[in-house]
Amino acid sequence: MIRRTAPLLALGLTLALTGCAVGPNYRRPAAPPSPLFKAARGWQPAVPARIVPSAWWTVYHDPVLSRLERQVAVSNQNLKAAVAAYYAAREAAGVTRGSLFPSINLGASQTRSGGGAATQFTFGGARTSDQAGASASWDVDLWGRLRRELESANARAQVSAADVAAARLSAQATLAQDYFQLRAAEQQLRLLKSLVKDDQVSLRIAQNRVNAGVTTLADVYAARTQLESTQAQEDTAKLDRANLEHAIAVLIGRAPSELSLAVGHLAARVPVVPAGVPSRLLLRRPDIAAAERAMASANADIGVAESAWFPSLTLSGSYDFASSALSGLLKASNAVWSFGPQLALNLFNGGATLAQTREARATYDEAVATYRQTVLGAFQQVENDLASLHFLQSEYAEELQAVADAKRSETLTLNQYKAGVADYASVLTAQTARLNAEITAVSLQSERLVASADLIDALGGGWNSASLNGPNDGVSESLRSTVDAR
């Protein structure tokens, strides 16, 4: 019997090794063409910043920011969730990979049964049956269904790995942007505190001029109004700083009450990062990589669906021992074995197979459209950031000149008021113009820094999709240890 079944086993092995995989082989569809970035034409940074893939935020040369950024990968809860999802997707691929191999099971049982009257051999008709043995089965992958399933599962794991990189980069970029806005709020607070002191001096001058009979109480009330308004703006700036500090705490996985940042200074230099060419985004953006891998998974699912049109082959066998006495269970005379192939083909299921194939193809078309839209969105984000940096740079230079002019105007007007040749309304107008110009300059500098961080985010932060083919699938060891420690 073994000689007769051996050729069947050899045939199954040959078919499994040489059988074709149904469904289309994956080829990445063309992305929307874009030879270069429109906003980068005619604008070349003199000293471009060099992005370090593992720590891109070091281009800002801020030790406090660097310390906070390093905590994102360790403590951010959204990032931990993304890494855990990656682990789940990777192990799901392992489950699919296991289905390519035979399944072998061991079992043993003891059954007590009875019925009827007692005899000289049984008591009350009860008898004992013992059984032990092994069984094996193997779904021969004739048409590549299991291989397509594994291909799809591996692609989904790579999607999850790219999602980890995207979540990490998003958290890091958001933290940098919040940090710059926090420093801008602190700079505005310094300006407002200085103006409060000036307003207090102006109030005393107005009061002295009223006491001297030179002016009326209207100037006193105007000076007091200006002081109170500035103090209210100061409270608003304090609130903005507190909210930003709370946001930073959550990004590094800490309760807001556990983080207190010392007052610092807004960076005076904005690093300019060269954008390169648009085609590089296909390799450097984790969200594009995730969309591309989703296409690969959907393409493999087409093969899985199409394999249902073909017959399936299962090889199964068993070797058991059965006896009524446990002591003699493993004797050769109690052995029973079986082996044989099973071929199955669905002839009719109401059109379900056709519908599943069409569904798989439609899902693939959806993935292609999503991929191309993701690429277009990436181009738009980079174009927006390049345009922002270009125009904000010139706007900031013009605003600095406006600040200098406003300061000179305020000084001249205040001296004229002290000399009695100008009214206090002119002083208020000059002071307000100077404050607004300074606050606008701080806001523009903050916007420039935020735009530069957003550009680094839009360019992928130095990440490269080639890491998806590495042993870690793009998930760093630091992130792995973070989840392992949960």
Protein backbone atom coordinates (compact mmCIF):
# COMPACT_ATOMS: atom_id res chain seq x y z
CA MET A 1 0.00 0.00 0.00
CA ILE A 2 2.85 2.34 0.84
CA ARG A 3 4.37 1.69 -2.60
CA ARG A 4 1.10 2.67 -4.25
CA THR A 5 0.70 5.90 -2.31
CA ALA A 6 4.32 7.04 -2.65
CA PRO A 7 3.83 8.16 -6.28
CA LEU A 8 0.82 10.23 -5.20
CA LEU A 9 2.90 11.93 -2.54
CA ALA A 10 5.69 12.58 -5.02
CA LEU A 11 3.16 13.99 -7.47
CA GLY A 12 1.77 16.31 -4.82
CA LEU A 13 5.25 17.54 -3.93
CA THR A 14 6.09 18.17 -7.57
CA LEU A 15 2.86 20.10 -8.17
CA ALA A 16 3.37 22.15 -5.02
CA LEU A 17 6.88 23.14 -6.03
CA THR A 18 6.25 23.79 -9.70
CA GLY A 19 2.62 24.93 -9.67
CA CYS A 20 1.96 28.42 -10.97
CA ALA A 21 0.43 31.13 -8.82
CA VAL A 22 -2.77 32.41 -10.38
CA GLY A 23 -3.51 36.10 -10.49
CA PRO A 24 -1.45 39.05 -11.75
CA ASN A 25 2.15 39.51 -10.62
CA TYR A 26 2.58 42.86 -8.90
CA ARG A 27 4.08 45.81 -10.74
CA ARG A 28 3.95 49.23 -9.15
CA PRO A 29 1.67 51.52 -11.19
CA ALA A 30 3.08 54.79 -12.43
CA ALA A 31 2.59 57.74 -10.11
CA PRO A 32 1.52 61.18 -11.36
CA PRO A 33 4.59 62.66 -13.09
CA SER A 34 6.25 65.79 -11.70
CA PRO A 35 9.83 66.48 -12.84
CA LEU A 36 10.51 69.18 -10.25
CA PHE A 37 8.87 71.34 -7.62
CA LYS A 38 7.38 74.55 -8.98
CA ALA A 39 8.04 76.58 -5.83
CA ALA A 40 11.71 75.57 -5.84
CA ARG A 41 12.48 77.15 -9.21
CA GLY A 42 14.91 80.02 -8.94
CA TRP A 43 15.35 79.53 -5.21
CA GLN A 44 18.41 77.69 -4.01
CA PRO A 45 19.42 77.73 -0.34
CA ALA A 46 22.94 79.05 0.15
CA VAL A 47 23.82 76.73 3.03
CA PRO A 48 21.27 73.90 3.07
CA ALA A 49 20.81 71.98 6.28
CA ARG A 50 21.85 68.35 6.30
CA ILE A 51 19.16 65.99 7.55
CA VAL A 52 20.32 63.21 9.83
CA PRO A 53 17.81 60.37 9.26
CA SER A 54 17.76 59.19 12.87
CA ALA A 55 17.61 62.69 14.41
CA TRP A 56 16.49 65.28 11.86
CA TRP A 57 15.63 67.83 14.55
CA THR A 58 19.35 68.39 15.27
CA VAL A 59 19.41 70.86 12.33
CA TYR A 60 17.86 73.38 14.75
CA HIS A 61 20.76 73.09 17.24
CA ASP A 62 18.41 73.27 20.24
CA PRO A 63 19.37 70.87 23.07
CA VAL A 64 15.98 71.18 24.78
CA LEU A 65 14.15 70.29 21.57
CA SER A 66 16.52 67.36 21.00
CA ARG A 67 15.91 66.04 24.50
CA LEU A 68 12.14 66.21 24.03
CA GLU A 69 12.27 64.58 20.57
CA ARG A 70 14.19 61.60 21.89
CA GLN A 71 11.37 60.90 24.33
CA VAL A 72 8.75 60.63 21.59
CA ALA A 73 9.93 57.19 20.43
CA VAL A 74 10.08 55.95 24.00
CA SER A 75 6.86 57.21 25.55
CA ASN A 76 4.35 58.37 22.92
CA GLN A 77 1.26 56.20 23.32
CA ASN A 78 0.02 56.58 19.72
CA LEU A 79 3.42 55.37 18.54
CA LYS A 80 3.28 52.41 20.91
CA ALA A 81 -0.11 51.50 19.48
CA ALA A 82 1.30 51.66 15.94
CA VAL A 83 4.21 49.40 16.88
CA ALA A 84 1.85 46.91 18.53
CA ALA A 85 -0.26 46.91 15.35
CA TYR A 86 2.91 46.18 13.38
CA TYR A 87 3.67 43.21 15.62
CA ALA A 88 0.16 41.88 15.08
CA ALA A 89 0.46 42.23 11.30
CA ARG A 90 3.86 40.55 11.28
CA GLU A 91 2.61 37.59 13.31
CA ALA A 92 -0.46 37.35 11.06
CA ALA A 93 1.93 36.83 8.18
CA GLY A 94 3.58 34.09 10.22
CA VAL A 95 0.22 32.36 10.62
CA THR A 96 -0.26 32.44 6.84
CA ARG A 97 3.28 31.17 6.27
CA GLY A 98 2.56 28.18 8.51
CA SER A 99 -0.26 27.06 6.22
CA LEU A 100 2.29 26.27 3.50
CA PHE A 101 3.58 23.32 5.54
CA PRO A 102 1.93 20.05 6.61
CA SER A 103 -0.05 20.01 9.84
CA ILE A 104 0.88 17.13 12.18
CA ASN A 105 -1.19 16.28 15.26
CA LEU A 106 -0.79 13.81 18.12
CA GLY A 107 -3.73 12.54 20.14
CA ALA A 108 -4.79 10.04 22.73
CA SER A 109 -8.18 9.15 24.20
CA GLN A 110 -9.90 6.76 26.52
CA THR A 111 -13.58 6.05 26.14
CA ARG A 112 -15.82 4.29 28.68
CA SER A 113 -19.09 3.02 27.23
CA GLY A 114 -21.71 0.45 28.04
CA GLY A 115 -25.29 -0.75 27.76
CA GLY A 116 -27.46 -3.85 28.31
CA ALA A 117 -27.02 -6.50 31.05
CA ALA A 118 -23.81 -7.59 32.72
CA THR A 119 -21.86 -10.53 31.29
CA GLN A 120 -18.85 -12.51 32.39
CA PHE A 121 -16.65 -10.07 30.44
CA THR A 122 -18.27 -6.75 31.30
CA PHE A 123 -19.88 -5.22 34.33
CA GLY A 124 -23.26 -3.81 33.45
CA GLY A 125 -22.33 -3.77 29.76
CA ALA A 126 -19.49 -1.23 30.34
CA ARG A 127 -16.30 -1.42 28.26
CA THR A 128 -13.15 0.65 27.89
CA SER A 129 -11.52 1.66 24.60
CA ASP A 130 -8.07 3.25 24.42
CA GLN A 131 -6.69 5.02 21.36
CA ALA A 132 -3.46 6.87 20.52
CA GLY A 133 -1.90 7.96 17.29
CA ALA A 134 -0.80 10.68 14.91
CA SER A 135 -2.43 12.34 11.93
CA ALA A 136 -1.19 14.71 9.27
CA SER A 137 -2.71 16.79 6.51
CA TRP A 138 -1.30 19.08 3.86
CA ASP A 139 -3.11 21.50 1.61
CA VAL A 140 -0.99 21.30 -1.54
CA ASP A 141 -0.63 24.81 -2.96
CA LEU A 142 -1.30 23.84 -6.56
CA TRP A 143 -2.43 27.22 -7.81
CA GLY A 144 -0.50 29.50 -5.49
CA ARG A 145 -3.43 30.49 -3.29
CA LEU A 146 -1.42 30.13 -0.10
CA ARG A 147 1.57 31.88 -1.65
CA ARG A 148 -0.65 34.80 -2.70
CA GLU A 149 -2.09 34.92 0.81
CA LEU A 150 1.44 35.06 2.23
CA GLU A 151 2.39 37.73 -0.30
CA SER A 152 -0.63 39.79 0.78
CA ALA A 153 0.08 39.26 4.49
CA ASN A 154 3.72 40.30 4.10
CA ALA A 155 2.66 43.44 2.25
CA ARG A 156 0.18 44.26 5.02
CA ALA A 157 2.94 43.87 7.59
CA GLN A 158 5.05 46.32 5.56
CA VAL A 159 2.08 48.71 5.46
CA SER A 160 2.00 48.55 9.24
CA ALA A 161 5.76 49.12 9.44
CA ALA A 162 5.41 52.20 7.24
CA ASP A 163 2.53 53.35 9.46
CA VAL A 164 4.91 53.16 12.43
CA ALA A 165 7.38 55.41 10.62
CA ALA A 166 4.59 57.81 9.66
CA ALA A 167 3.25 57.95 13.22
CA ARG A 168 6.72 58.56 14.62
CA LEU A 169 7.52 61.29 12.08
CA SER A 170 4.14 62.96 12.63
CA ALA A 171 4.60 63.02 16.40
CA GLN A 172 8.13 64.38 16.07
CA ALA A 173 7.10 67.09 13.61
CA THR A 174 4.10 68.09 15.75
CA LEU A 175 6.32 68.34 18.82
CA ALA A 176 8.80 70.57 16.97
CA GLN A 177 6.02 72.83 15.74
CA ASP A 178 4.47 73.08 19.22
CA TYR A 179 7.91 73.80 20.67
CA PHE A 180 8.55 76.67 18.26
CA GLN A 181 5.13 78.16 18.97
CA LEU A 182 5.80 77.86 22.71
CA ARG A 183 9.06 79.78 22.33
CA ALA A 184 7.21 82.37 20.24
CA ALA A 185 4.63 82.78 23.01
CA GLU A 186 7.49 83.33 25.47
CA GLN A 187 9.00 85.96 23.18
CA GLN A 188 5.63 87.71 22.95
CA LEU A 189 5.40 87.61 26.74
CA ARG A 190 8.77 89.38 27.00
CA LEU A 191 7.57 92.06 24.60
CA LEU A 192 4.32 92.53 26.52
CA LYS A 193 6.11 92.69 29.87
CA SER A 194 8.39 95.37 28.49
CA LEU A 195 5.39 97.27 27.13
CA VAL A 196 3.63 97.00 30.50
CA LYS A 197 6.60 98.78 32.08
CA ASP A 198 6.49 101.44 29.36
CA ASP A 199 2.74 101.85 29.86
CA GLN A 200 3.23 102.27 33.59
CA VAL A 201 5.78 105.01 32.91
CA SER A 202 3.38 106.65 30.44
CA LEU A 203 0.60 106.54 33.03
CA ARG A 204 2.81 108.30 35.58
CA ILE A 205 3.78 110.93 33.01
CA ALA A 206 0.13 111.53 32.17
CA GLN A 207 -0.78 111.80 35.86
CA ASN A 208 2.07 114.29 36.49
CA ARG A 209 0.99 116.39 33.51
CA VAL A 210 -2.58 116.43 34.86
CA ASN A 211 -1.29 117.46 38.30
CA ALA A 212 0.72 120.22 36.63
CA GLY A 213 -2.40 121.38 34.79
CA VAL A 214 -0.80 120.79 31.40
CA THR A 215 -3.36 118.22 30.19
CA THR A 216 -6.68 116.66 31.15
CA LEU A 217 -7.75 113.41 32.79
CA ALA A 218 -8.52 112.04 29.35
CA ASP A 219 -4.82 111.28 28.90
CA VAL A 220 -4.76 109.45 32.24
CA TYR A 221 -7.71 107.28 31.28
CA ALA A 222 -6.18 106.60 27.87
CA ALA A 223 -2.88 105.56 29.46
CA ARG A 224 -4.66 103.36 31.98
CA THR A 225 -6.70 101.73 29.20
CA GLN A 226 -3.52 101.00 27.27
CA LEU A 227 -1.90 99.45 30.36
CA GLU A 228 -4.90 97.23 31.13
CA SER A 229 -5.18 96.12 27.50
CA THR A 230 -1.50 95.13 27.44
CA GLN A 231 -1.91 93.20 30.70
CA ALA A 232 -4.85 91.31 29.17
CA GLN A 233 -2.72 90.39 26.13
CA GLU A 234 -0.06 89.19 28.53
CA ASP A 235 -2.53 86.79 30.16
CA THR A 236 -3.52 85.46 26.72
CA ALA A 237 0.13 84.79 25.86
CA LYS A 238 0.57 82.96 29.18
CA LEU A 239 -2.46 80.79 28.38
CA ASP A 240 -1.10 79.98 24.92
CA ARG A 241 2.23 78.93 26.40
CA ALA A 242 0.56 76.74 29.02
CA ASN A 243 -1.57 74.95 26.42
CA LEU A 244 1.46 74.32 24.20
CA GLU A 245 3.44 72.97 27.14
CA HIS A 246 0.57 70.60 27.93
CA ALA A 247 0.51 69.42 24.30
CA ILE A 248 4.24 68.73 24.37
CA ALA A 249 3.85 66.72 27.59
CA VAL A 250 1.22 64.47 26.00
CA LEU A 251 3.38 63.98 22.89
CA ILE A 252 6.20 62.58 25.03
CA GLY A 253 3.77 60.37 26.94
CA ARG A 254 3.61 62.33 30.20
CA ALA A 255 0.82 63.99 32.12
CA PRO A 256 0.77 67.79 31.69
CA SER A 257 1.43 68.23 35.41
CA GLU A 258 4.71 66.32 35.07
CA LEU A 259 6.37 68.67 32.58
CA SER A 260 7.65 72.16 33.25
CA LEU A 261 9.89 73.68 30.59
CA ALA A 262 12.25 76.47 31.51
CA VAL A 263 11.80 79.70 29.58
CA GLY A 264 13.97 79.78 26.48
CA HIS A 265 14.47 81.75 23.29
CA LEU A 266 13.01 81.46 19.83
CA ALA A 267 15.58 80.29 17.30
CA ALA A 268 16.92 83.16 15.22
CA ARG A 269 18.09 80.95 12.35
CA VAL A 270 15.76 78.87 10.20
CA PRO A 271 17.48 75.89 8.58
CA VAL A 272 16.61 75.59 4.90
CA VAL A 273 16.31 72.03 3.66
CA PRO A 274 16.75 71.34 -0.07
CA ALA A 275 13.70 69.55 -1.41
CA GLY A 276 15.44 67.61 -4.17
CA VAL A 277 13.25 66.13 -6.90
CA PRO A 278 9.64 64.93 -6.52
CA SER A 279 10.46 61.36 -7.52
CA ARG A 280 12.49 60.98 -4.32
CA LEU A 281 9.28 61.36 -2.31
CA LEU A 282 8.23 57.92 -3.56
CA LEU A 283 11.08 56.53 -1.47
CA ARG A 284 11.19 58.99 1.42
CA ARG A 285 7.55 59.35 2.50
CA PRO A 286 6.28 56.57 4.80
CA ASP A 287 2.64 57.31 3.91
CA ILE A 288 3.44 56.83 0.21
CA ALA A 289 5.26 53.60 1.04
CA ALA A 290 2.23 52.41 3.03
CA ALA A 291 -0.12 53.19 0.14
CA GLU A 292 2.19 51.37 -2.30
CA ARG A 293 2.40 48.29 -0.09
CA ALA A 294 -1.39 48.33 0.27
CA MET A 295 -1.55 48.10 -3.53
CA ALA A 296 0.75 45.07 -3.45
CA SER A 297 -1.46 43.40 -0.85
CA ALA A 298 -4.61 44.09 -2.87
CA ASN A 299 -2.93 42.74 -6.01
CA ALA A 300 -2.08 39.47 -4.24
CA ASP A 301 -5.66 39.19 -3.00
CA ILE A 302 -6.77 39.00 -6.65
CA GLY A 303 -4.77 35.78 -7.00
CA VAL A 304 -6.32 34.43 -3.81
CA ALA A 305 -9.81 35.10 -5.18
CA GLU A 306 -9.02 33.61 -8.62
CA SER A 307 -7.64 30.41 -7.09
CA ALA A 308 -11.20 29.49 -6.07
CA TRP A 309 -11.89 28.62 -9.73
CA PHE A 310 -9.45 25.69 -9.54
CA PRO A 311 -9.60 22.39 -7.62
CA SER A 312 -7.85 22.01 -4.26
CA LEU A 313 -5.71 19.01 -3.30
CA THR A 314 -5.28 17.84 0.28
CA LEU A 315 -3.02 14.98 1.34
CA SER A 316 -3.98 13.40 4.64
CA GLY A 317 -2.91 10.36 6.61
CA SER A 318 -3.03 8.85 10.06
CA TYR A 319 -1.38 6.12 12.12
CA ASP A 320 -3.34 4.98 15.19
CA PHE A 321 -3.33 2.31 17.85
CA ALA A 322 -6.65 1.10 19.29
CA SER A 323 -7.18 -1.45 22.06
CA SER A 324 -9.54 -2.30 24.89
CA ALA A 325 -6.56 -2.74 27.23
CA LEU A 326 -4.17 0.13 27.90
CA SER A 327 -1.23 -2.20 28.62
CA GLY A 328 -1.24 -3.64 25.11
CA LEU A 329 -2.16 -0.48 23.24
CA LEU A 330 1.08 -0.01 21.30
CA LYS A 331 1.31 -3.53 19.87
CA ALA A 332 1.72 -3.79 16.10
CA SER A 333 -1.45 -5.88 15.91
CA ASN A 334 -3.43 -2.86 17.21
CA ALA A 335 -2.07 -0.48 14.56
CA VAL A 336 -4.36 1.10 11.99
CA TRP A 337 -3.12 3.49 9.30
CA SER A 338 -4.58 5.41 6.39
CA PHE A 339 -3.33 7.71 3.66
CA GLY A 340 -4.84 9.28 0.58
CA PRO A 341 -5.32 12.44 -1.46
CA GLN A 342 -8.54 14.44 -1.56
CA LEU A 343 -9.44 16.54 -4.60
CA ALA A 344 -12.25 19.10 -4.36
CA LEU A 345 -13.74 21.56 -6.81
CA ASN A 346 -16.70 23.85 -6.27
CA LEU A 347 -19.13 23.56 -9.17
CA PHE A 348 -21.80 26.05 -8.11
CA ASN A 349 -22.08 28.65 -5.34
CA GLY A 350 -24.51 31.13 -6.78
CA GLY A 351 -21.86 33.36 -8.37
CA ALA A 352 -19.96 33.95 -5.12
CA THR A 353 -16.58 33.13 -6.67
CA LEU A 354 -17.14 35.55 -9.54
CA ALA A 355 -18.27 38.25 -7.13
CA GLN A 356 -15.21 37.71 -4.91
CA THR A 357 -12.90 38.04 -7.91
CA ARG A 358 -14.59 41.24 -9.03
CA GLU A 359 -14.47 42.57 -5.47
CA ALA A 360 -10.71 41.89 -5.27
CA ARG A 361 -10.08 43.70 -8.55
CA ALA A 362 -12.20 46.67 -7.47
CA THR A 363 -10.32 46.82 -4.15
CA TYR A 364 -7.06 46.88 -6.09
CA ASP A 365 -8.32 49.74 -8.29
CA GLU A 366 -9.25 51.62 -5.12
CA ALA A 367 -5.73 51.06 -3.71
CA VAL A 368 -4.19 52.38 -6.94
CA ALA A 369 -6.31 55.54 -6.80
CA THR A 370 -5.46 56.01 -3.12
CA TYR A 371 -1.75 55.62 -3.87
CA ARG A 372 -1.82 58.20 -6.65
CA GLN A 373 -3.82 60.63 -4.52
CA THR A 374 -1.32 60.17 -1.67
CA VAL A 375 1.50 61.04 -4.06
CA LEU A 376 -0.36 64.15 -5.28
CA GLY A 377 -1.03 65.19 -1.68
CA ALA A 378 2.67 64.80 -0.89
CA PHE A 379 3.61 67.00 -3.85
CA GLN A 380 1.12 69.62 -2.68
CA GLN A 381 2.45 69.62 0.89
CA VAL A 382 6.03 70.12 -0.27
CA GLU A 383 5.01 72.86 -2.72
CA ASN A 384 3.07 74.64 0.03
CA ASP A 385 5.98 74.49 2.46
CA LEU A 386 8.50 75.67 -0.14
CA ALA A 387 6.24 78.57 -1.06
CA SER A 388 5.69 79.40 2.62
CA LEU A 389 9.39 79.46 3.38
CA HIS A 390 10.11 81.57 0.30
CA PHE A 391 7.50 84.25 0.95
CA LEU A 392 7.83 84.23 4.74
CA GLN A 393 11.53 84.88 4.40
CA SER A 394 11.00 88.12 2.48
CA GLU A 395 8.00 89.06 4.63
CA TYR A 396 10.04 88.58 7.81
CA ALA A 397 12.83 90.84 6.49
CA GLU A 398 10.30 93.54 5.66
CA GLU A 399 8.69 93.23 9.08
CA LEU A 400 12.05 93.65 10.83
CA GLN A 401 12.44 96.94 8.98
CA ALA A 402 8.92 97.88 10.07
CA VAL A 403 9.87 97.16 13.70
CA ALA A 404 12.90 99.44 13.46
CA ASP A 405 10.81 102.24 11.94
CA ALA A 406 8.07 101.80 14.55
CA LYS A 407 10.58 102.08 17.38
CA ARG A 408 11.98 105.30 15.97
CA SER A 409 8.48 106.69 15.51
CA GLU A 410 7.53 105.81 19.09
CA THR A 411 10.62 107.46 20.51
CA LEU A 412 10.08 110.68 18.54
CA THR A 413 6.35 110.83 19.43
CA LEU A 414 7.00 110.24 23.14
CA ASN A 415 9.62 113.00 23.18
CA GLN A 416 7.15 115.35 21.45
CA TYR A 417 4.50 114.48 24.03
CA LYS A 418 6.91 115.18 26.88
CA ALA A 419 7.71 118.50 25.23
CA GLY A 420 3.99 119.29 24.98
CA VAL A 421 3.86 119.45 21.19
CA ALA A 422 1.93 116.18 20.67
CA ASP A 423 -1.15 114.71 22.32
CA TYR A 424 -1.23 111.38 24.10
CA ALA A 425 -3.32 109.77 21.36
CA SER A 426 -0.29 110.01 19.10
CA VAL A 427 1.81 108.24 21.73
CA LEU A 428 -0.74 105.44 22.02
CA THR A 429 -0.83 105.04 18.27
CA ALA A 430 2.96 104.83 18.06
CA GLN A 431 3.22 102.37 20.93
CA THR A 432 0.50 100.14 19.48
CA ALA A 433 2.17 100.20 16.06
CA ARG A 434 5.51 99.24 17.57
CA LEU A 435 4.01 96.38 19.62
CA ASN A 436 2.04 95.03 16.69
CA ALA A 437 5.12 95.14 14.49
CA GLU A 438 7.22 93.27 17.05
CA ILE A 439 4.54 90.64 17.69
CA THR A 440 4.07 90.18 13.96
CA ALA A 441 7.81 89.68 13.54
CA VAL A 442 7.83 87.02 16.26
CA SER A 443 4.83 85.30 14.67
CA LEU A 444 6.52 85.31 11.27
CA GLN A 445 9.69 83.82 12.70
CA SER A 446 7.59 81.14 14.41
CA GLU A 447 5.76 80.44 11.14
CA ARG A 448 9.07 80.07 9.33
CA LEU A 449 10.31 77.54 11.87
CA VAL A 450 7.00 75.66 11.78
CA ALA A 451 7.09 75.61 7.97
CA SER A 452 10.65 74.26 7.98
CA ALA A 453 9.64 71.44 10.35
CA ASP A 454 6.61 70.72 8.17
CA LEU A 455 8.86 70.60 5.09
CA ILE A 456 11.11 68.04 6.78
CA ASP A 457 7.98 66.06 7.62
CA ALA A 458 6.77 66.38 4.01
CA LEU A 459 10.14 65.11 2.75
CA GLY A 460 10.00 62.03 4.97
CA GLY A 461 12.44 63.20 7.64
CA GLY A 462 15.27 61.20 6.10
CA TRP A 463 13.33 57.92 6.22
CA ASN A 464 13.68 55.60 3.23
CA SER A 465 11.32 52.87 2.06
CA ALA A 466 14.31 50.56 1.47
CA SER A 467 14.23 49.87 5.21
CA LEU A 468 10.96 47.97 4.69
CA ASN A 469 12.98 45.21 3.06
CA GLY A 470 15.39 44.98 5.98
CA PRO A 471 15.24 42.58 8.93
CA ASN A 472 13.29 45.09 11.04
CA ASP A 473 10.82 46.16 8.31
CA GLY A 474 11.67 49.77 9.13
CA VAL A 475 10.84 49.46 12.84
CA SER A 476 13.82 50.53 14.90
CA GLU A 477 15.12 48.52 17.82
CA SER A 478 14.31 51.36 20.21
CA LEU A 479 10.65 51.13 19.25
CA ARG A 480 10.71 47.35 19.56
CA SER A 481 12.17 47.53 23.06
CA THR A 482 9.54 50.11 24.00
CA VAL A 483 6.71 47.74 23.16
CA ASP A 484 8.50 44.71 24.59
CA ALA A 485 8.69 46.53 27.92
CA ARG A 486 4.93 47.02 28.13
